Amino acid sequence: MPYGISPPRDRKTSAVSAKEFDKIAEKQKRLGLKGQDYALAAESWLRAKEPRKAIISYEKAATAYEQYAANLLDIDATSNRHRINYAYSEAKKMERKVTIVRRTIGKRGIRLEDRAAITVAIIGLVGGLFFLSANITGNVISINQYSSSWVGIILIIFGIVGSFFWIKRNKK
């Protein structure tokens, strides 16, 4: 028997024929393995520090387990009771993991890389604008207009690069 599913007890009185049962058993095998595959994929995404993709995989695993249990109910609810309970418990487990991962995404906070990119962007843009206005800077620190413009341009470039990295990091 495929995937440990037993056929209905009495084939003469059962509405499911042997051929139909084999089709259902194959479908069950695919659904059960699909749920396990999605759960393993979600764990791999978590190890790769991709929680959003892990959530998608956990949700797909939960739906696969629920479909598995629903199909078992269609076959024979009494003889497959422990498999149905297992499938529903696995679906609930996947749903709990989704909520846990969503909470950790919310608690992640601002990382050091984000802070550094934000700091470089702000200092670069504000400092660049300050040094590009030669009247303010030249009178205060007695720097000529040519040098002040170059310093301003370089700082603005640093600000734009820092902004680019910050935006790129936050798109994930």
N, C-alpha and C. Protein backbone atom coordinates (compact mmCIF):
# COMPACT_ATOMS: atom_id res chain seq x y z
N MET A 1 0.83 -1.18 0.00
CA MET A 1 0.00 0.00 0.00
C MET A 1 0.88 1.25 0.00
N PRO A 2 0.58 2.21 -0.84
CA PRO A 2 1.38 3.42 -0.89
C PRO A 2 1.14 4.30 0.33
N TYR A 3 2.22 4.77 0.90
CA TYR A 3 2.25 5.76 1.97
C TYR A 3 1.48 5.32 3.20
N GLY A 4 1.32 4.05 3.40
CA GLY A 4 0.72 3.53 4.62
C GLY A 4 -0.78 3.74 4.73
N ILE A 5 -1.47 3.95 3.63
CA ILE A 5 -2.92 4.16 3.67
C ILE A 5 -3.59 2.82 3.42
N SER A 6 -4.46 2.45 4.32
CA SER A 6 -5.15 1.17 4.14
C SER A 6 -6.45 1.39 3.39
N PRO A 7 -6.82 0.46 2.50
CA PRO A 7 -8.08 0.61 1.76
C PRO A 7 -9.26 0.40 2.69
N PRO A 8 -10.44 0.79 2.26
CA PRO A 8 -11.63 0.55 3.07
C PRO A 8 -11.79 -0.94 3.36
N ARG A 9 -12.39 -1.26 4.50
CA ARG A 9 -12.49 -2.64 4.96
C ARG A 9 -13.24 -3.55 3.98
N ASP A 10 -14.41 -3.14 3.59
CA ASP A 10 -15.24 -3.98 2.73
C ASP A 10 -15.36 -3.31 1.37
N ARG A 11 -14.69 -3.87 0.37
CA ARG A 11 -14.68 -3.25 -0.95
C ARG A 11 -16.03 -3.38 -1.65
N LYS A 12 -16.84 -4.36 -1.28
CA LYS A 12 -18.13 -4.53 -1.95
C LYS A 12 -19.11 -3.44 -1.54
N THR A 13 -19.12 -3.08 -0.27
CA THR A 13 -20.07 -2.08 0.21
C THR A 13 -19.50 -0.67 0.16
N SER A 14 -18.22 -0.54 -0.07
CA SER A 14 -17.60 0.78 -0.09
C SER A 14 -17.89 1.49 -1.40
N ALA A 15 -18.00 2.81 -1.32
CA ALA A 15 -18.26 3.60 -2.52
C ALA A 15 -16.98 3.80 -3.34
N VAL A 16 -15.83 3.52 -2.74
CA VAL A 16 -14.55 3.73 -3.41
C VAL A 16 -14.08 2.40 -3.98
N SER A 17 -13.87 2.36 -5.30
CA SER A 17 -13.38 1.13 -5.92
C SER A 17 -11.87 1.03 -5.72
N ALA A 18 -11.31 -0.12 -6.04
CA ALA A 18 -9.87 -0.32 -5.87
C ALA A 18 -9.07 0.62 -6.75
N LYS A 19 -9.53 0.83 -7.97
CA LYS A 19 -8.82 1.72 -8.89
C LYS A 19 -8.87 3.17 -8.38
N GLU A 20 -10.05 3.59 -7.93
CA GLU A 20 -10.19 4.93 -7.37
C GLU A 20 -9.33 5.08 -6.12
N PHE A 21 -9.28 4.02 -5.33
CA PHE A 21 -8.48 4.07 -4.11
C PHE A 21 -7.01 4.26 -4.44
N ASP A 22 -6.51 3.57 -5.46
CA ASP A 22 -5.11 3.72 -5.85
C ASP A 22 -4.82 5.16 -6.28
N LYS A 23 -5.75 5.78 -7.00
CA LYS A 23 -5.57 7.17 -7.41
C LYS A 23 -5.53 8.09 -6.19
N ILE A 24 -6.45 7.85 -5.27
CA ILE A 24 -6.51 8.66 -4.05
C ILE A 24 -5.24 8.46 -3.22
N ALA A 25 -4.77 7.23 -3.14
CA ALA A 25 -3.57 6.94 -2.37
C ALA A 25 -2.35 7.65 -2.96
N GLU A 26 -2.24 7.68 -4.27
CA GLU A 26 -1.13 8.39 -4.92
C GLU A 26 -1.22 9.89 -4.64
N LYS A 27 -2.43 10.42 -4.70
CA LYS A 27 -2.62 11.84 -4.41
C LYS A 27 -2.24 12.13 -2.97
N GLN A 28 -2.62 11.23 -2.06
CA GLN A 28 -2.27 11.40 -0.65
C GLN A 28 -0.77 11.40 -0.46
N LYS A 29 -0.11 10.50 -1.13
CA LYS A 29 1.34 10.41 -1.02
C LYS A 29 1.99 11.72 -1.46
N ARG A 30 1.52 12.26 -2.58
CA ARG A 30 2.07 13.52 -3.07
C ARG A 30 1.79 14.66 -2.10
N LEU A 31 0.58 14.72 -1.57
CA LEU A 31 0.23 15.80 -0.65
C LEU A 31 1.03 15.73 0.65
N GLY A 32 1.17 14.53 1.20
CA GLY A 32 1.94 14.38 2.43
C GLY A 32 3.39 14.75 2.24
N LEU A 33 3.97 14.29 1.14
CA LEU A 33 5.37 14.62 0.87
C LEU A 33 5.52 16.10 0.53
N LYS A 34 4.52 16.67 -0.12
CA LYS A 34 4.58 18.08 -0.47
C LYS A 34 4.61 18.93 0.80
N GLY A 35 3.81 18.57 1.79
CA GLY A 35 3.82 19.30 3.05
C GLY A 35 5.17 19.22 3.74
N GLN A 36 5.77 18.03 3.73
CA GLN A 36 7.09 17.88 4.33
C GLN A 36 8.14 18.67 3.55
N ASP A 37 8.03 18.65 2.23
CA ASP A 37 8.99 19.40 1.41
C ASP A 37 8.90 20.89 1.67
N TYR A 38 7.68 21.41 1.76
CA TYR A 38 7.51 22.83 2.04
C TYR A 38 8.05 23.19 3.43
N ALA A 39 7.84 22.31 4.40
CA ALA A 39 8.35 22.57 5.75
C ALA A 39 9.88 22.59 5.75
N LEU A 40 10.49 21.65 5.04
CA LEU A 40 11.95 21.64 4.95
C LEU A 40 12.47 22.87 4.21
N ALA A 41 11.75 23.28 3.18
CA ALA A 41 12.16 24.48 2.44
C ALA A 41 12.08 25.71 3.34
N ALA A 42 11.06 25.77 4.18
CA ALA A 42 10.92 26.90 5.09
C ALA A 42 12.07 26.94 6.09
N GLU A 43 12.46 25.78 6.60
CA GLU A 43 13.60 25.74 7.52
C GLU A 43 14.87 26.20 6.82
N SER A 44 15.04 25.81 5.56
CA SER A 44 16.21 26.24 4.80
C SER A 44 16.19 27.75 4.58
N TRP A 45 15.01 28.31 4.31
CA TRP A 45 14.92 29.76 4.13
C TRP A 45 15.27 30.48 5.43
N LEU A 46 14.86 29.91 6.56
CA LEU A 46 15.20 30.54 7.84
C LEU A 46 16.71 30.51 8.09
N ARG A 47 17.34 29.37 7.75
CA ARG A 47 18.80 29.30 7.90
C ARG A 47 19.51 30.28 6.98
N ALA A 48 18.90 30.56 5.83
CA ALA A 48 19.48 31.51 4.87
C ALA A 48 19.10 32.95 5.21
N LYS A 49 18.43 33.15 6.34
CA LYS A 49 18.01 34.46 6.81
C LYS A 49 17.09 35.17 5.82
N GLU A 50 16.14 34.40 5.29
CA GLU A 50 15.10 34.92 4.39
C GLU A 50 13.73 34.60 5.01
N PRO A 51 13.33 35.32 6.06
CA PRO A 51 12.10 34.96 6.77
C PRO A 51 10.83 35.12 5.95
N ARG A 52 10.80 36.07 5.03
CA ARG A 52 9.58 36.26 4.24
C ARG A 52 9.32 35.06 3.33
N LYS A 53 10.37 34.50 2.76
CA LYS A 53 10.21 33.31 1.92
C LYS A 53 9.87 32.09 2.77
N ALA A 54 10.38 32.07 4.01
CA ALA A 54 10.04 30.97 4.92
C ALA A 54 8.56 31.00 5.28
N ILE A 55 8.01 32.18 5.45
CA ILE A 55 6.58 32.30 5.76
C ILE A 55 5.75 31.72 4.62
N ILE A 56 6.12 32.03 3.39
CA ILE A 56 5.39 31.51 2.23
C ILE A 56 5.44 29.98 2.22
N SER A 57 6.62 29.42 2.48
CA SER A 57 6.76 27.96 2.48
C SER A 57 5.97 27.32 3.61
N TYR A 58 5.99 27.94 4.79
CA TYR A 58 5.20 27.41 5.91
C TYR A 58 3.70 27.43 5.59
N GLU A 59 3.24 28.51 4.96
CA GLU A 59 1.82 28.58 4.61
C GLU A 59 1.45 27.51 3.59
N LYS A 60 2.32 27.27 2.62
CA LYS A 60 2.06 26.22 1.63
C LYS A 60 2.06 24.84 2.29
N ALA A 61 2.96 24.64 3.27
CA ALA A 61 2.98 23.36 3.99
C ALA A 61 1.69 23.16 4.77
N ALA A 62 1.21 24.22 5.40
CA ALA A 62 -0.04 24.11 6.18
C ALA A 62 -1.21 23.76 5.27
N THR A 63 -1.30 24.39 4.11
CA THR A 63 -2.41 24.06 3.20
C THR A 63 -2.27 22.65 2.65
N ALA A 64 -1.04 22.20 2.40
CA ALA A 64 -0.86 20.83 1.91
C ALA A 64 -1.29 19.82 2.97
N TYR A 65 -0.93 20.07 4.23
CA TYR A 65 -1.35 19.16 5.30
C TYR A 65 -2.87 19.18 5.49
N GLU A 66 -3.48 20.34 5.35
CA GLU A 66 -4.94 20.41 5.47
C GLU A 66 -5.63 19.65 4.33
N GLN A 67 -5.08 19.77 3.12
CA GLN A 67 -5.63 19.01 1.99
C GLN A 67 -5.45 17.51 2.22
N TYR A 68 -4.31 17.15 2.77
CA TYR A 68 -4.02 15.75 3.07
C TYR A 68 -5.07 15.20 4.04
N ALA A 69 -5.35 15.96 5.09
CA ALA A 69 -6.34 15.52 6.08
C ALA A 69 -7.74 15.47 5.47
N ALA A 70 -8.08 16.44 4.64
CA ALA A 70 -9.40 16.45 4.01
C ALA A 70 -9.57 15.25 3.09
N ASN A 71 -8.53 14.89 2.36
CA ASN A 71 -8.61 13.72 1.48
C ASN A 71 -8.71 12.43 2.29
N LEU A 72 -8.03 12.38 3.43
CA LEU A 72 -8.16 11.20 4.29
C LEU A 72 -9.57 11.07 4.84
N LEU A 73 -10.20 12.19 5.14
CA LEU A 73 -11.59 12.15 5.60
C LEU A 73 -12.51 11.61 4.51
N ASP A 74 -12.20 11.93 3.25
CA ASP A 74 -13.02 11.43 2.14
C ASP A 74 -12.89 9.92 1.98
N ILE A 75 -11.71 9.38 2.26
CA ILE A 75 -11.49 7.94 2.07
C ILE A 75 -12.22 7.16 3.15
N ASP A 76 -11.75 7.29 4.38
CA ASP A 76 -12.35 6.55 5.49
C ASP A 76 -11.89 7.20 6.78
N ALA A 77 -12.78 7.91 7.43
CA ALA A 77 -12.41 8.69 8.60
C ALA A 77 -12.07 7.82 9.80
N THR A 78 -12.69 6.66 9.95
CA THR A 78 -12.46 5.86 11.15
C THR A 78 -11.12 5.16 11.12
N SER A 79 -10.73 4.60 9.99
CA SER A 79 -9.46 3.86 9.97
C SER A 79 -8.25 4.79 9.83
N ASN A 80 -8.46 6.02 9.40
CA ASN A 80 -7.35 6.95 9.21
C ASN A 80 -7.34 8.06 10.25
N ARG A 81 -7.97 7.82 11.40
CA ARG A 81 -8.10 8.85 12.41
C ARG A 81 -6.75 9.39 12.88
N HIS A 82 -5.79 8.50 13.14
CA HIS A 82 -4.49 8.98 13.63
C HIS A 82 -3.75 9.77 12.56
N ARG A 83 -3.90 9.40 11.29
CA ARG A 83 -3.26 10.16 10.21
C ARG A 83 -3.91 11.53 10.05
N ILE A 84 -5.22 11.56 10.21
CA ILE A 84 -5.94 12.84 10.11
C ILE A 84 -5.50 13.76 11.24
N ASN A 85 -5.44 13.23 12.45
CA ASN A 85 -4.99 14.04 13.59
C ASN A 85 -3.57 14.53 13.39
N TYR A 86 -2.70 13.66 12.86
CA TYR A 86 -1.32 14.05 12.59
C TYR A 86 -1.28 15.18 11.56
N ALA A 87 -2.06 15.05 10.49
CA ALA A 87 -2.04 16.08 9.44
C ALA A 87 -2.54 17.41 9.98
N TYR A 88 -3.62 17.39 10.76
CA TYR A 88 -4.12 18.63 11.32
C TYR A 88 -3.14 19.23 12.33
N SER A 89 -2.49 18.39 13.13
CA SER A 89 -1.51 18.92 14.08
C SER A 89 -0.31 19.53 13.36
N GLU A 90 0.10 18.90 12.25
CA GLU A 90 1.20 19.47 11.47
C GLU A 90 0.78 20.81 10.84
N ALA A 91 -0.46 20.89 10.37
CA ALA A 91 -0.94 22.15 9.80
C ALA A 91 -0.95 23.25 10.87
N LYS A 92 -1.40 22.91 12.07
CA LYS A 92 -1.41 23.89 13.16
C LYS A 92 0.02 24.30 13.54
N LYS A 93 0.92 23.32 13.53
CA LYS A 93 2.32 23.60 13.84
C LYS A 93 2.91 24.59 12.82
N MET A 94 2.59 24.39 11.55
CA MET A 94 3.09 25.29 10.51
C MET A 94 2.51 26.69 10.69
N GLU A 95 1.23 26.77 11.06
CA GLU A 95 0.61 28.07 11.28
C GLU A 95 1.23 28.79 12.48
N ARG A 96 1.57 28.03 13.54
CA ARG A 96 2.25 28.64 14.69
C ARG A 96 3.62 29.16 14.30
N LYS A 97 4.33 28.40 13.46
CA LYS A 97 5.65 28.84 13.02
C LYS A 97 5.55 30.12 12.18
N VAL A 98 4.47 30.23 11.40
CA VAL A 98 4.27 31.45 10.62
C VAL A 98 4.14 32.65 11.55
N THR A 99 3.34 32.52 12.61
CA THR A 99 3.17 33.64 13.53
C THR A 99 4.47 33.97 14.26
N ILE A 100 5.25 32.94 14.60
CA ILE A 100 6.53 33.18 15.28
C ILE A 100 7.49 33.93 14.36
N VAL A 101 7.57 33.51 13.11
CA VAL A 101 8.48 34.17 12.17
C VAL A 101 8.03 35.60 11.91
N ARG A 102 6.71 35.81 11.82
CA ARG A 102 6.22 37.18 11.61
C ARG A 102 6.56 38.07 12.80
N ARG A 103 6.50 37.54 14.00
CA ARG A 103 6.87 38.33 15.18
C ARG A 103 8.35 38.68 15.16
N THR A 104 9.19 37.72 14.76
CA THR A 104 10.63 38.01 14.74
C THR A 104 10.98 39.03 13.67
N ILE A 105 10.22 39.05 12.57
CA ILE A 105 10.46 40.07 11.56
C ILE A 105 10.15 41.45 12.14
N GLY A 106 9.07 41.55 12.89
CA GLY A 106 8.70 42.83 13.48
C GLY A 106 9.67 43.30 14.55
N LYS A 107 10.27 42.37 15.29
CA LYS A 107 11.19 42.72 16.37
C LYS A 107 12.62 42.90 15.90
N ARG A 108 12.86 42.71 14.63
CA ARG A 108 14.23 42.74 14.13
C ARG A 108 14.90 44.08 14.41
N GLY A 109 14.18 45.17 14.24
CA GLY A 109 14.73 46.48 14.52
C GLY A 109 15.71 46.93 13.45
N ILE A 110 16.45 47.98 13.77
CA ILE A 110 17.41 48.53 12.82
C ILE A 110 18.77 47.90 13.09
N ARG A 111 19.36 47.36 12.05
CA ARG A 111 20.67 46.73 12.18
C ARG A 111 21.77 47.77 12.07
N LEU A 112 22.98 47.36 12.42
CA LEU A 112 24.13 48.24 12.36
C LEU A 112 24.40 48.69 10.93
N GLU A 113 24.21 47.79 9.97
CA GLU A 113 24.42 48.15 8.57
C GLU A 113 23.45 49.25 8.14
N ASP A 114 22.20 49.13 8.59
CA ASP A 114 21.22 50.15 8.25
C ASP A 114 21.58 51.49 8.89
N ARG A 115 22.01 51.44 10.13
CA ARG A 115 22.40 52.68 10.81
C ARG A 115 23.58 53.34 10.13
N ALA A 116 24.56 52.53 9.72
CA ALA A 116 25.73 53.09 9.04
C ALA A 116 25.33 53.72 7.71
N ALA A 117 24.47 53.05 6.96
CA ALA A 117 24.03 53.59 5.67
C ALA A 117 23.24 54.88 5.86
N ILE A 118 22.38 54.90 6.86
CA ILE A 118 21.59 56.11 7.13
C ILE A 118 22.50 57.26 7.54
N THR A 119 23.48 56.97 8.40
CA THR A 119 24.41 58.00 8.86
C THR A 119 25.22 58.56 7.70
N VAL A 120 25.75 57.68 6.86
CA VAL A 120 26.54 58.14 5.71
C VAL A 120 25.67 58.97 4.78
N ALA A 121 24.44 58.55 4.57
CA ALA A 121 23.55 59.29 3.67
C ALA A 121 23.25 60.69 4.21
N ILE A 122 22.92 60.77 5.47
CA ILE A 122 22.57 62.08 6.05
C ILE A 122 23.78 63.00 6.09
N ILE A 123 24.90 62.49 6.60
CA ILE A 123 26.11 63.32 6.69
C ILE A 123 26.57 63.73 5.29
N GLY A 124 26.51 62.80 4.36
CA GLY A 124 26.95 63.12 3.00
C GLY A 124 26.08 64.17 2.34
N LEU A 125 24.78 64.01 2.43
CA LEU A 125 23.89 64.97 1.76
C LEU A 125 23.91 66.34 2.44
N VAL A 126 23.82 66.37 3.75
CA VAL A 126 23.82 67.65 4.46
C VAL A 126 25.19 68.32 4.35
N GLY A 127 26.25 67.54 4.56
CA GLY A 127 27.60 68.11 4.43
C GLY A 127 27.90 68.58 3.03
N GLY A 128 27.44 67.82 2.03
CA GLY A 128 27.65 68.22 0.65
C GLY A 128 26.96 69.53 0.32
N LEU A 129 25.72 69.67 0.76
CA LEU A 129 25.01 70.93 0.54
C LEU A 129 25.69 72.09 1.27
N PHE A 130 26.19 71.81 2.45
CA PHE A 130 26.87 72.84 3.23
C PHE A 130 28.14 73.31 2.51
N PHE A 131 28.93 72.37 2.02
CA PHE A 131 30.18 72.75 1.36
C PHE A 131 29.96 73.30 -0.05
N LEU A 132 28.84 72.97 -0.67
CA LEU A 132 28.56 73.54 -1.99
C LEU A 132 28.14 75.00 -1.91
N SER A 133 27.63 75.40 -0.78
CA SER A 133 27.31 76.83 -0.61
C SER A 133 28.57 77.52 -0.10
N ALA A 134 29.38 77.98 -1.02
CA ALA A 134 30.72 78.50 -0.70
C ALA A 134 30.68 79.76 0.14
N ASN A 135 29.66 80.55 0.05
CA ASN A 135 29.60 81.79 0.83
C ASN A 135 29.58 81.49 2.33
N ILE A 136 28.82 80.47 2.73
CA ILE A 136 28.74 80.13 4.16
C ILE A 136 30.06 79.53 4.61
N THR A 137 30.54 78.53 3.88
CA THR A 137 31.72 77.80 4.30
C THR A 137 32.99 78.63 4.14
N GLY A 138 33.10 79.32 3.04
CA GLY A 138 34.33 80.07 2.78
C GLY A 138 34.57 81.15 3.81
N ASN A 139 33.54 81.78 4.26
CA ASN A 139 33.70 82.84 5.25
C ASN A 139 34.03 82.27 6.63
N VAL A 140 33.53 81.09 6.93
CA VAL A 140 33.72 80.54 8.27
C VAL A 140 35.09 79.89 8.43
N ILE A 141 35.48 79.03 7.50
CA ILE A 141 36.73 78.29 7.67
C ILE A 141 37.81 78.72 6.67
N SER A 142 37.60 79.78 6.00
CA SER A 142 38.53 80.38 5.03
C SER A 142 39.07 79.35 4.03
N ILE A 143 38.16 78.72 3.32
CA ILE A 143 38.52 77.78 2.26
C ILE A 143 38.08 78.41 0.93
N ASN A 144 38.88 78.19 -0.12
CA ASN A 144 38.51 78.80 -1.39
C ASN A 144 37.31 78.08 -2.01
N GLN A 145 36.69 78.71 -2.98
CA GLN A 145 35.45 78.20 -3.56
C GLN A 145 35.68 76.91 -4.34
N TYR A 146 36.82 76.77 -4.98
CA TYR A 146 37.12 75.57 -5.78
C TYR A 146 37.22 74.33 -4.88
N SER A 147 37.96 74.43 -3.80
CA SER A 147 38.11 73.29 -2.88
C SER A 147 36.79 72.96 -2.19
N SER A 148 36.06 73.98 -1.83
CA SER A 148 34.78 73.77 -1.17
C SER A 148 33.80 73.03 -2.09
N SER A 149 33.81 73.37 -3.36
CA SER A 149 32.92 72.70 -4.31
C SER A 149 33.28 71.23 -4.45
N TRP A 150 34.56 70.92 -4.52
CA TRP A 150 34.98 69.52 -4.66
C TRP A 150 34.60 68.71 -3.42
N VAL A 151 34.83 69.28 -2.25
CA VAL A 151 34.46 68.57 -1.02
C VAL A 151 32.94 68.35 -0.99
N GLY A 152 32.17 69.35 -1.39
CA GLY A 152 30.72 69.22 -1.43
C GLY A 152 30.26 68.14 -2.40
N ILE A 153 30.88 68.09 -3.58
CA ILE A 153 30.51 67.08 -4.57
C ILE A 153 30.83 65.68 -4.05
N ILE A 154 31.99 65.51 -3.44
CA ILE A 154 32.38 64.20 -2.91
C ILE A 154 31.42 63.77 -1.79
N LEU A 155 31.07 64.70 -0.92
CA LEU A 155 30.14 64.35 0.17
C LEU A 155 28.75 64.01 -0.37
N ILE A 156 28.30 64.71 -1.38
CA ILE A 156 26.99 64.38 -1.96
C ILE A 156 27.03 63.01 -2.60
N ILE A 157 28.13 62.65 -3.26
CA ILE A 157 28.26 61.31 -3.84
C ILE A 157 28.20 60.25 -2.74
N PHE A 158 28.91 60.49 -1.62
CA PHE A 158 28.83 59.56 -0.49
C PHE A 158 27.39 59.46 0.03
N GLY A 159 26.70 60.57 0.10
CA GLY A 159 25.31 60.56 0.56
C GLY A 159 24.40 59.77 -0.37
N ILE A 160 24.60 59.92 -1.67
CA ILE A 160 23.78 59.18 -2.63
C ILE A 160 24.07 57.69 -2.55
N VAL A 161 25.35 57.33 -2.43
CA VAL A 161 25.72 55.91 -2.31
C VAL A 161 25.15 55.32 -1.02
N GLY A 162 25.25 56.04 0.09
CA GLY A 162 24.67 55.57 1.35
C GLY A 162 23.17 55.40 1.25
N SER A 163 22.49 56.33 0.58
CA SER A 163 21.05 56.22 0.38
C SER A 163 20.70 55.00 -0.47
N PHE A 164 21.51 54.76 -1.50
CA PHE A 164 21.28 53.60 -2.37
C PHE A 164 21.37 52.31 -1.58
N PHE A 165 22.41 52.16 -0.74
CA PHE A 165 22.56 50.93 0.04
C PHE A 165 21.44 50.79 1.07
N TRP A 166 21.01 51.88 1.65
CA TRP A 166 19.93 51.81 2.63
C TRP A 166 18.62 51.39 1.97
N ILE A 167 18.32 51.96 0.81
CA ILE A 167 17.10 51.60 0.08
C ILE A 167 17.16 50.16 -0.38
N LYS A 168 18.32 49.74 -0.89
CA LYS A 168 18.49 48.36 -1.36
C LYS A 168 18.30 47.38 -0.21
N ARG A 169 18.82 47.69 0.95
CA ARG A 169 18.72 46.82 2.12
C ARG A 169 17.27 46.71 2.60
N ASN A 170 16.53 47.80 2.53
CA ASN A 170 15.15 47.80 3.03
C ASN A 170 14.16 47.19 2.05
N LYS A 171 14.54 46.99 0.80
CA LYS A 171 13.64 46.35 -0.15
C LYS A 171 13.49 44.87 0.12
N LYS A 172 14.43 44.23 0.78
CA LYS A 172 14.34 42.80 1.10
C LYS A 172 13.26 42.60 2.06
